[in-house]
Amino acid sequence: MASIARQVIRRGYATAQSTVKAPIQLNSLTGTYATSTYLAALKKSPKDLEQLAKDIETFDKKIKEDAKVAQFIDNPTLTAAERAKALTGLVPSGSSPILLNLLTVLSENGRLASAPRVFADFGSLIAAYRGELEVVVTSAEPLDGKAMARLEKALKGTSVSDGKTLKFTNRVNPSIVGGLLIDFGDKTIDLSASSKVNRFNAALTQGV
């Protein structure tokens, strides 16, 4: 965290000296990048943080929807100079300078391909900052609106939602076979068929 924070300062992320803290702790490497970025923006002002959040969401969407941008992000053969030039052109003018700084630091450290995961971790931070609870529902196939509405209604009736705004996201992962995997905060509810199969296989192994 310390070395990344120093890179952040050298890049001019943080200009204010006020002490701010992240709303949640993220221990992964991508979480460290996301946290440094979050703190840098908040040190400037809450307005700068919200602007950065908007710009990150827009750029993350571009990676998902534009094959050429995704290919660039994942391309390890480009030189540092080539990546730097391309990034300057990819980040829209008027965006928070912290976004370009983040992407530049990732590029210099050979971790540009991790940008989507850094963005996801930043999303968790901004959700906590806003008092939102991100609920990620993973299913083998996309869930329809009625299914998501039932899940939302069920969780809103529990202590999980006390004082929070629930924000639902449906992710598709065919490997879970069937059922659901529900993540919120530091909790996971595993209702997937693959989990049941794994427990069955483990029981068989122990019985042999």
Protein backbone atom coordinates (compact mmCIF):
# COMPACT_ATOMS: atom_id res chain seq x y z
CA MET A 1 0.00 0.00 0.00
CA ALA A 2 2.81 2.41 0.94
CA SER A 3 4.67 2.12 -2.38
CA ILE A 4 1.46 2.55 -4.40
CA ALA A 5 0.51 5.53 -2.23
CA ARG A 6 3.88 7.11 -3.01
CA GLN A 7 3.25 6.62 -6.72
CA VAL A 8 -0.13 8.25 -6.25
CA ILE A 9 1.44 11.29 -4.62
CA ARG A 10 4.12 11.59 -7.30
CA ARG A 11 1.41 11.50 -9.95
CA GLY A 12 -0.35 14.38 -8.24
CA TYR A 13 -3.38 12.41 -7.08
CA ALA A 14 -3.55 14.14 -3.74
CA THR A 15 -3.22 17.85 -3.26
CA ALA A 16 -4.84 18.35 0.12
CA GLN A 17 -3.25 17.41 3.43
CA SER A 18 -6.47 16.54 5.24
CA THR A 19 -6.72 13.06 6.67
CA VAL A 20 -9.41 10.87 5.13
CA LYS A 21 -10.15 7.19 5.51
CA ALA A 22 -11.63 4.52 3.28
CA PRO A 23 -15.11 3.35 4.32
CA ILE A 24 -14.12 -0.31 3.99
CA GLN A 25 -10.83 -2.19 3.92
CA LEU A 26 -9.80 -4.00 0.75
CA ASN A 27 -6.80 -6.28 1.12
CA SER A 28 -6.16 -7.34 -2.47
CA LEU A 29 -3.62 -5.64 -4.73
CA THR A 30 -6.38 -4.24 -6.94
CA GLY A 31 -8.10 -3.07 -3.78
CA THR A 32 -4.94 -1.20 -2.80
CA TYR A 33 -4.91 0.66 -6.13
CA ALA A 34 -8.62 1.40 -5.76
CA THR A 35 -8.22 2.65 -2.20
CA SER A 36 -5.31 4.94 -3.09
CA THR A 37 -7.37 6.36 -5.95
CA TYR A 38 -10.45 6.83 -3.74
CA LEU A 39 -8.45 8.64 -1.04
CA ALA A 40 -6.71 10.87 -3.55
CA ALA A 41 -10.03 12.09 -4.96
CA LEU A 42 -11.70 12.53 -1.58
CA LYS A 43 -8.71 14.50 -0.30
CA LYS A 44 -9.47 17.02 -3.04
CA SER A 45 -13.22 17.18 -2.36
CA PRO A 46 -16.38 15.04 -2.26
CA LYS A 47 -17.31 16.61 -5.60
CA ASP A 48 -14.05 15.38 -7.14
CA LEU A 49 -14.75 11.90 -5.78
CA GLU A 50 -18.22 11.78 -7.36
CA GLN A 51 -16.81 13.06 -10.67
CA LEU A 52 -14.14 10.37 -10.63
CA ALA A 53 -16.74 7.70 -9.85
CA LYS A 54 -18.78 8.80 -12.87
CA ASP A 55 -15.71 8.82 -15.14
CA ILE A 56 -14.56 5.38 -13.96
CA GLU A 57 -18.01 3.94 -14.58
CA THR A 58 -18.00 5.39 -18.12
CA PHE A 59 -14.50 4.08 -18.91
CA ASP A 60 -15.28 0.65 -17.46
CA LYS A 61 -18.34 0.49 -19.71
CA LYS A 62 -16.15 1.39 -22.69
CA ILE A 63 -13.82 -1.53 -21.93
CA LYS A 64 -16.79 -3.91 -21.79
CA GLU A 65 -18.46 -2.64 -24.96
CA ASP A 66 -15.55 -1.70 -27.23
CA ALA A 67 -13.50 -4.71 -28.35
CA LYS A 68 -10.59 -2.53 -29.47
CA VAL A 69 -10.32 -0.86 -26.07
CA ALA A 70 -10.52 -4.23 -24.31
CA GLN A 71 -7.81 -5.60 -26.60
CA PHE A 72 -5.56 -2.62 -25.84
CA ILE A 73 -6.04 -3.02 -22.09
CA ASP A 74 -5.08 -6.72 -22.31
CA ASN A 75 -2.19 -6.31 -24.76
CA PRO A 76 1.13 -7.00 -22.98
CA THR A 77 3.29 -6.45 -26.07
CA LEU A 78 2.96 -2.66 -26.26
CA THR A 79 5.82 -0.49 -25.08
CA ALA A 80 5.35 1.92 -22.18
CA ALA A 81 5.45 4.84 -24.61
CA GLU A 82 2.79 3.26 -26.83
CA ARG A 83 0.52 2.62 -23.87
CA ALA A 84 0.98 6.15 -22.53
CA LYS A 85 0.13 7.71 -25.89
CA ALA A 86 -2.92 5.49 -26.36
CA LEU A 87 -4.23 6.18 -22.84
CA THR A 88 -4.10 9.91 -23.41
CA GLY A 89 -6.34 9.46 -26.44
CA LEU A 90 -8.70 6.95 -24.82
CA VAL A 91 -9.55 8.94 -21.69
CA PRO A 92 -12.16 11.57 -22.69
CA SER A 93 -11.22 15.21 -22.30
CA GLY A 94 -12.92 16.71 -19.28
CA SER A 95 -12.50 13.52 -17.26
CA SER A 96 -11.02 13.63 -13.80
CA PRO A 97 -7.21 13.73 -14.16
CA ILE A 98 -7.08 11.07 -11.45
CA LEU A 99 -8.51 8.52 -13.88
CA LEU A 100 -5.64 9.01 -16.33
CA ASN A 101 -3.18 8.99 -13.43
CA LEU A 102 -4.56 5.67 -12.21
CA LEU A 103 -4.38 4.08 -15.64
CA THR A 104 -0.86 5.42 -16.13
CA VAL A 105 0.36 3.96 -12.82
CA LEU A 106 -1.23 0.61 -13.68
CA SER A 107 0.44 0.71 -17.09
CA GLU A 108 3.85 1.59 -15.67
CA ASN A 109 3.57 -1.28 -13.20
CA GLY A 110 2.54 -3.75 -15.91
CA ARG A 111 -0.94 -4.14 -14.47
CA LEU A 112 -3.14 -2.35 -17.00
CA ALA A 113 -5.08 -5.57 -17.59
CA SER A 114 -6.18 -5.37 -13.95
CA ALA A 115 -8.02 -2.08 -14.56
CA PRO A 116 -11.52 -3.66 -14.62
CA ARG A 117 -10.88 -5.33 -11.24
CA VAL A 118 -9.54 -2.06 -9.82
CA PHE A 119 -12.68 -0.33 -11.08
CA ALA A 120 -14.86 -3.00 -9.43
CA ASP A 121 -13.06 -2.49 -6.11
CA PHE A 122 -13.42 1.28 -6.47
CA GLY A 123 -17.14 0.68 -7.03
CA SER A 124 -17.31 -1.14 -3.70
CA LEU A 125 -15.63 1.81 -1.99
CA ILE A 126 -17.90 4.42 -3.53
CA ALA A 127 -20.97 2.33 -2.69
CA ALA A 128 -19.91 2.16 0.96
CA TYR A 129 -19.20 5.89 0.94
CA ARG A 130 -22.74 6.56 -0.31
CA GLY A 131 -24.28 4.23 2.26
CA GLU A 132 -25.13 1.68 -0.40
CA LEU A 133 -24.81 -2.07 0.06
CA GLU A 134 -23.74 -3.80 -3.12
CA VAL A 135 -25.50 -7.12 -3.55
CA VAL A 136 -23.93 -9.26 -6.27
CA VAL A 137 -26.15 -12.12 -7.41
CA THR A 138 -24.24 -14.65 -9.52
CA SER A 139 -26.27 -17.10 -11.59
CA ALA A 140 -25.61 -19.59 -14.36
CA GLU A 141 -27.92 -17.60 -16.66
CA PRO A 142 -29.13 -13.97 -16.55
CA LEU A 143 -31.99 -13.44 -14.10
CA ASP A 144 -35.16 -11.69 -15.27
CA GLY A 145 -36.61 -8.62 -13.59
CA LYS A 146 -39.15 -10.61 -11.56
CA ALA A 147 -36.49 -12.85 -10.04
CA MET A 148 -34.30 -9.88 -9.11
CA ALA A 149 -37.31 -8.08 -7.63
CA ARG A 150 -38.12 -11.08 -5.42
CA LEU A 151 -34.55 -11.20 -4.15
CA GLU A 152 -34.55 -7.47 -3.48
CA LYS A 153 -37.83 -7.72 -1.56
CA ALA A 154 -36.50 -10.63 0.49
CA LEU A 155 -33.30 -8.84 1.52
CA LYS A 156 -35.05 -5.54 2.24
CA GLY A 157 -37.08 -7.35 4.87
CA THR A 158 -33.97 -8.30 6.87
CA SER A 159 -31.46 -6.50 9.09
CA VAL A 160 -29.02 -6.54 6.15
CA SER A 161 -30.65 -3.45 4.67
CA ASP A 162 -30.87 -1.41 7.89
CA GLY A 163 -29.77 2.15 7.11
CA LYS A 164 -28.53 1.17 3.66
CA THR A 165 -29.61 1.46 0.06
CA LEU A 166 -29.35 -1.92 -1.63
CA LYS A 167 -27.71 -1.92 -5.05
CA PHE A 168 -28.21 -5.17 -6.98
CA THR A 169 -25.98 -6.53 -9.73
CA ASN A 170 -26.52 -9.79 -11.61
CA ARG A 171 -23.36 -11.52 -12.83
CA VAL A 172 -23.40 -14.62 -15.01
CA ASN A 173 -21.06 -17.54 -14.33
CA PRO A 174 -22.02 -20.82 -16.03
CA SER A 175 -19.61 -22.74 -13.80
CA ILE A 176 -21.95 -22.53 -10.81
CA VAL A 177 -24.26 -24.89 -12.80
CA GLY A 178 -27.52 -23.77 -11.20
CA GLY A 179 -28.90 -21.92 -8.22
CA LEU A 180 -27.44 -18.67 -6.95
CA LEU A 181 -24.41 -17.18 -5.25
CA ILE A 182 -25.26 -14.02 -3.32
CA ASP A 183 -22.50 -11.71 -2.02
CA PHE A 184 -23.15 -8.66 0.12
CA GLY A 185 -20.71 -6.91 2.44
CA ASP A 186 -18.48 -9.59 3.93
CA LYS A 187 -21.15 -12.29 3.65
CA THR A 188 -21.84 -14.93 1.02
CA ILE A 189 -24.92 -17.10 0.61
CA ASP A 190 -24.06 -20.08 -1.58
CA LEU A 191 -27.18 -21.63 -3.07
CA SER A 192 -25.44 -22.95 -6.17
CA ALA A 193 -25.68 -26.49 -7.45
CA SER A 194 -21.90 -26.58 -7.86
CA SER A 195 -21.51 -25.98 -4.14
CA LYS A 196 -23.79 -28.92 -3.39
CA VAL A 197 -21.81 -31.09 -5.83
CA ASN A 198 -18.53 -30.05 -4.19
CA ARG A 199 -19.85 -30.93 -0.74
CA PHE A 200 -21.08 -34.28 -2.08
CA ASN A 201 -17.71 -35.03 -3.69
CA ALA A 202 -15.92 -34.08 -0.46
CA ALA A 203 -18.17 -36.43 1.50
CA LEU A 204 -17.41 -39.24 -0.95
CA THR A 205 -13.68 -38.61 -0.69
CA GLN A 206 -13.79 -38.68 3.12
CA GLY A 207 -15.78 -41.90 3.03
CA VAL A 208 -13.29 -43.75 0.83
